[in-house]
Every structure is written in C-alpha cells, then in structure tokens.
Protein backbone atom coordinates (compact mmCIF):
# COMPACT_ATOMS: atom_id res chain seq x y z
CA UNK A 1 0.00 0.01 -0.02
CA UNK A 2 1.25 3.44 -0.91
CA UNK A 3 2.41 5.58 2.00
CA UNK A 4 1.52 9.30 2.10
CA UNK A 5 4.01 11.63 3.74
CA UNK A 6 3.51 15.41 4.27
CA UNK A 7 6.24 18.03 3.76
CA UNK A 8 7.90 19.60 5.78
CA UNK A 9 9.20 16.24 6.91
CA UNK A 10 9.37 15.07 10.53
CA UNK A 11 12.57 13.45 11.73
CA UNK A 12 10.87 10.02 11.62
CA UNK A 13 9.70 10.65 8.08
CA UNK A 14 13.21 11.74 7.05
CA UNK A 15 14.49 8.38 8.35
CA UNK A 16 11.80 6.55 6.46
CA UNK A 17 12.54 8.33 3.21
CA UNK A 18 16.32 7.62 3.62
CA UNK A 19 15.52 3.92 3.89
CA UNK A 20 13.04 4.00 0.99
CA UNK A 21 15.67 5.64 -1.31
CA UNK A 22 18.42 3.22 -0.26
CA UNK A 23 16.06 0.26 -0.87
CA UNK A 24 15.49 1.35 -4.49
CA UNK A 25 11.84 2.19 -4.14
CA UNK A 26 9.89 4.76 -6.12
CA UNK A 27 8.49 8.02 -4.87
CA UNK A 28 6.18 10.68 -6.22
CA UNK A 29 6.89 14.22 -5.13
CA UNK A 30 6.06 17.88 -5.98
CA UNK A 31 8.49 19.92 -8.02
CA UNK A 32 8.17 23.62 -8.83
CA UNK A 33 6.29 22.46 -11.91
CA UNK A 34 4.34 19.19 -11.99
CA UNK A 35 4.60 16.10 -9.78
CA UNK A 36 7.61 14.04 -10.36
CA UNK A 37 8.19 10.28 -10.24
CA UNK A 38 11.58 9.04 -9.22
CA UNK A 39 14.13 7.44 -6.96
CA UNK A 40 17.84 6.68 -6.86
CA UNK A 41 19.12 7.62 -10.29
CA UNK A 42 21.99 5.12 -10.11
CA UNK A 43 19.69 2.20 -9.57
CA UNK A 44 18.76 0.28 -12.71
CA UNK A 45 16.05 -1.44 -10.57
CA UNK A 46 14.42 1.96 -9.97
CA UNK A 47 14.72 2.89 -13.66
CA UNK A 48 13.15 -0.40 -14.76
CA UNK A 49 10.25 0.05 -12.30
CA UNK A 50 9.55 3.53 -13.46
CA UNK A 51 9.61 2.36 -17.18
CA UNK A 52 6.95 -0.17 -16.25
CA UNK A 53 4.91 2.30 -14.22
CA UNK A 54 4.89 4.93 -16.97
CA UNK A 55 4.67 2.35 -19.78
CA UNK A 56 7.44 4.38 -21.42
CA UNK A 57 9.70 3.05 -24.31
CA UNK A 58 13.09 1.85 -23.04
CA UNK A 59 14.88 4.03 -25.68
CA UNK A 60 13.82 7.23 -23.81
CA UNK A 61 16.10 7.63 -20.79
CA UNK A 62 14.73 9.70 -17.92
CA UNK A 63 15.83 13.24 -16.92
CA UNK A 64 17.61 13.61 -13.61
CA UNK A 65 17.07 16.06 -10.80
CA UNK A 66 20.34 17.24 -9.43
CA UNK A 67 22.18 19.84 -7.28
CA UNK A 68 25.20 21.81 -8.43
CA UNK A 69 27.30 19.35 -6.40
CA UNK A 70 26.34 16.59 -8.77
CA UNK A 71 26.45 18.56 -12.05
CA UNK A 72 30.09 18.22 -12.94
CA UNK A 73 30.13 14.53 -11.73
CA UNK A 74 27.40 13.77 -14.30
CA UNK A 75 27.97 16.08 -17.25
CA UNK A 76 30.84 17.48 -19.46
CA UNK A 77 30.88 20.84 -21.18
CA UNK A 78 33.14 23.70 -22.12
CA UNK A 79 30.79 26.43 -23.23
CA UNK A 80 30.25 29.70 -21.35
CA UNK A 81 26.61 29.91 -22.72
CA UNK A 82 25.78 26.82 -20.62
CA UNK A 83 27.25 28.51 -17.56
CA UNK A 84 25.23 31.68 -18.38
CA UNK A 85 21.93 29.66 -18.55
CA UNK A 86 22.72 27.88 -15.34
CA UNK A 87 23.51 31.15 -13.55
CA UNK A 88 20.33 32.80 -14.87
CA UNK A 89 17.68 30.01 -14.40
CA UNK A 90 18.97 27.47 -11.81
CA UNK A 91 17.56 26.49 -9.48
CA UNK A 92 14.43 26.52 -11.55
CA UNK A 93 12.24 24.96 -14.27
CA UNK A 94 14.96 24.67 -17.01
CA UNK A 95 16.18 21.19 -18.18
CA UNK A 96 19.43 21.13 -20.11
CA UNK A 97 20.59 18.38 -22.34
CA UNK A 98 24.39 18.01 -22.06
CA UNK A 99 27.10 15.51 -22.77
CA UNK A 100 27.22 12.89 -20.03
CA UNK A 101 30.29 11.65 -18.21
CA UNK A 102 31.20 8.40 -20.01
CA UNK A 103 31.57 6.53 -16.72
CA UNK A 104 27.90 6.80 -15.93
CA UNK A 105 25.72 3.62 -15.90
CA UNK A 106 24.25 2.89 -19.30
CA UNK A 107 20.66 3.16 -18.17
CA UNK A 108 21.10 6.89 -17.52
CA UNK A 109 22.23 7.83 -21.04
CA UNK A 110 20.65 7.76 -24.43
CA UNK A 111 22.41 6.41 -27.45
CA UNK A 112 24.18 9.67 -28.25
CA UNK A 113 25.74 9.85 -24.80
CA UNK A 114 23.60 12.79 -23.54
CA UNK A 115 21.87 13.38 -20.26
CA UNK A 116 18.92 15.73 -19.42
CA UNK A 117 19.47 17.46 -16.02
CA UNK A 118 17.62 20.01 -13.88
CA UNK A 119 18.44 21.72 -10.65
CA UNK A 120 14.90 22.14 -9.31
CA UNK A 121 14.05 24.99 -6.99
CA UNK A 122 11.66 22.79 -5.04
CA UNK A 123 12.63 22.47 -1.41
CA UNK A 124 11.19 18.93 -1.42
CA UNK A 125 13.36 17.83 -4.28
CA UNK A 126 16.53 19.35 -2.77
CA UNK A 127 15.82 17.66 0.57
CA UNK A 128 15.20 14.25 -1.15
CA UNK A 129 18.60 14.61 -2.87
CA UNK A 130 20.31 15.44 0.35
CA UNK A 131 18.62 12.51 2.28
CA UNK A 132 19.43 10.01 -0.50
CA UNK A 133 22.90 11.40 -1.24
CA UNK A 134 22.50 10.94 -4.96
CA UNK A 135 20.59 12.50 -7.85
CA UNK A 136 17.01 11.47 -8.53
CA UNK A 137 15.29 10.18 -11.59
CA UNK A 138 12.80 12.98 -12.18
CA UNK A 139 10.22 12.25 -14.79
CA UNK A 140 6.61 13.41 -14.68
CA UNK A 141 4.22 11.45 -12.55
CA UNK A 142 1.84 9.95 -15.13
CA UNK A 143 1.52 7.05 -17.52
CA UNK A 144 2.75 7.85 -21.01
CA UNK A 145 0.12 9.59 -23.02
CA UNK A 146 -1.76 11.05 -19.97
CA UNK A 147 -1.43 14.50 -18.51
CA UNK A 148 1.17 14.93 -15.73
CA UNK A 149 -0.23 14.77 -12.19
CA UNK A 150 -0.26 18.10 -10.27
CA UNK A 151 -1.30 16.95 -6.71
CA UNK A 152 -0.87 14.05 -4.33
CA UNK A 153 -4.52 13.16 -4.84
CA UNK A 154 -4.02 12.87 -8.64
CA UNK A 155 -0.99 10.65 -8.20
CA UNK A 156 -2.86 8.39 -5.83
CA UNK A 157 -5.81 8.14 -8.18
CA UNK A 158 -3.80 7.77 -11.36
CA UNK A 159 -0.90 5.51 -10.27
CA UNK A 160 -2.54 3.80 -7.31
CA UNK A 161 -0.24 1.37 -5.53
CA UNK A 162 2.50 1.40 -8.20
CA UNK A 163 4.35 4.07 -6.13
CA UNK A 164 5.77 3.25 -2.74
CA UNK A 165 5.53 6.77 -1.23
CA UNK A 166 3.59 9.89 -2.32
CA UNK A 167 4.84 13.18 -0.77
CA UNK A 168 2.18 15.78 -0.25
CA UNK A 169 3.78 19.19 -0.62
CA UNK A 170 2.94 22.63 -1.90
CA UNK A 171 1.65 23.11 -5.46
CA UNK A 172 2.01 26.06 -7.78
CA UNK A 173 -1.06 27.54 -9.39
CA UNK A 174 0.79 27.41 -12.77
CA UNK A 175 1.59 23.72 -13.38
CA UNK A 176 3.71 23.96 -16.60
CA UNK A 177 6.46 21.48 -17.18
CA UNK A 178 10.05 22.61 -17.32
CA UNK A 179 11.49 24.09 -20.50
CA UNK A 180 13.98 21.79 -22.24
CA UNK A 181 17.02 23.18 -24.11
CA UNK A 182 19.42 21.02 -26.14
CA UNK A 183 22.93 22.46 -25.58
CA UNK A 184 24.67 20.38 -28.23
CA UNK A 185 23.21 22.03 -31.37
CA UNK A 186 24.33 25.30 -32.87
CA UNK A 187 22.57 27.41 -31.95
CA UNK A 188 21.07 25.76 -28.91
CA UNK A 189 17.51 24.51 -29.55
CA UNK A 190 14.40 24.50 -27.41
CA UNK A 191 12.90 21.03 -27.41
CA UNK A 192 9.96 21.80 -25.09
CA UNK A 193 8.42 25.14 -24.25
CA UNK A 194 7.49 25.20 -20.50
CA UNK A 195 7.71 27.65 -17.68
CA UNK A 196 10.63 29.61 -19.11
CA UNK A 197 9.85 31.28 -22.44
CA UNK A 198 11.95 31.47 -25.50
CA UNK A 199 12.09 35.25 -25.10
CA UNK A 200 13.56 34.87 -21.59
CA UNK A 201 16.13 32.40 -22.84
CA UNK A 202 17.14 34.61 -25.67
CA UNK A 203 18.03 37.35 -23.17
CA UNK A 204 20.91 35.06 -22.11
CA UNK A 205 22.04 33.44 -25.39
CA UNK A 206 20.78 32.58 -28.84
CA UNK A 207 18.22 29.71 -28.81
CA UNK A 208 16.17 28.56 -31.68
CA UNK A 209 12.78 26.78 -31.76
C-alpha cells in the first residue's frame, strides 16, 4: 500500500525516506512544476520500475534532478553559454541536455551519450537529494500519453499502488512542465516550451525553436 508523507518532513519521516531511497523504491513528489516520479538515479532497478509504471519506451532515458554538487560529476561541457543559462535560471524549471560523463551507468544515457538534467528550486526535491545522497530520476508522474499529475491526490488516483511513497507538498497555481534546451546544437535548440519562455532564454544566449 502506498504511504502518504507530508512536507515539511518530521525526523521520523526523513529516516523513512532515507530507507526508501536506499532500498531502491519509487517516490512521487512535488517539484516547482508538475509532480515528479523518481528514486535513486544510479539504480537500474528503480529505472526499470519507472519504465513499467509509466509504460514508457526503453529508448527514452529519464531526466535527472540534481544539485550543483552533482552537475560536474554527471555532465561534461566547455561552453560559457551553458554557464550563463545555469546562472540565470537554476535552481528553476529549466532542463538542459548536455554530454554525459562516459563513466555513468548505461541506463542513464541515451544512445548519443547525452543526459537531461535539472536543478529544481523545489525544497522537497532538494531535501530528497540530500537525504538519499545521490541524484534522482525525475520524470513526470503519469503514464505515457496521459497528463502529468499536479497533486498528491491525482498521483494516488492515477498511479494507485504502483508508487511506494507519495509526498504531499505545496503546489504552484501554474503547473507547466520545465523548458528543455538542447545544448549540443548550434545554436542551442528549445525542445519543449515550458515555464521559461523562448524570449527569456534569448536574453541570455541565442536559442532557436
């Protein structure tokens, strides 16, 4: 049966979440955009479970939720425009597609060796990463083809007992997904318009649709 935990966490709940993350279980949690579905990013077991829950094709690796501590361990780049985007929009609803560290587990990367990463401004997400001591898989909480869940109640109704823990936290009134920018094209390319507009991005560097 799925457990419901409210944020802010009690000490007991933090201990429970730490155990859940170390045991490769799956959580649903609020981000600054829509509800996320995830767990220990380095666990292939977690990734396999989330593929099954979402009914998502295996050739579509999941984005990761990170902190700046993890960024240079996971990704490689040498482009000041990327640094400028990070400084302008992180933490926040911007997902960047970057070259991945070649030493990462295969289940994290797509065939071209890239990785989608986001430093979320959600206090819930940041605390989960601290408690687990690793980045999180951070895909939207929904089955493929259905709208992303925007509340704990929606997650419980849509995904039922497939998730081990649902975290009930704050929600924004505007529940747009993150904006995705591919940073390996010239110029950079926006792959999904979300909370951050193309106009805002172009104040920082040239981005095409």
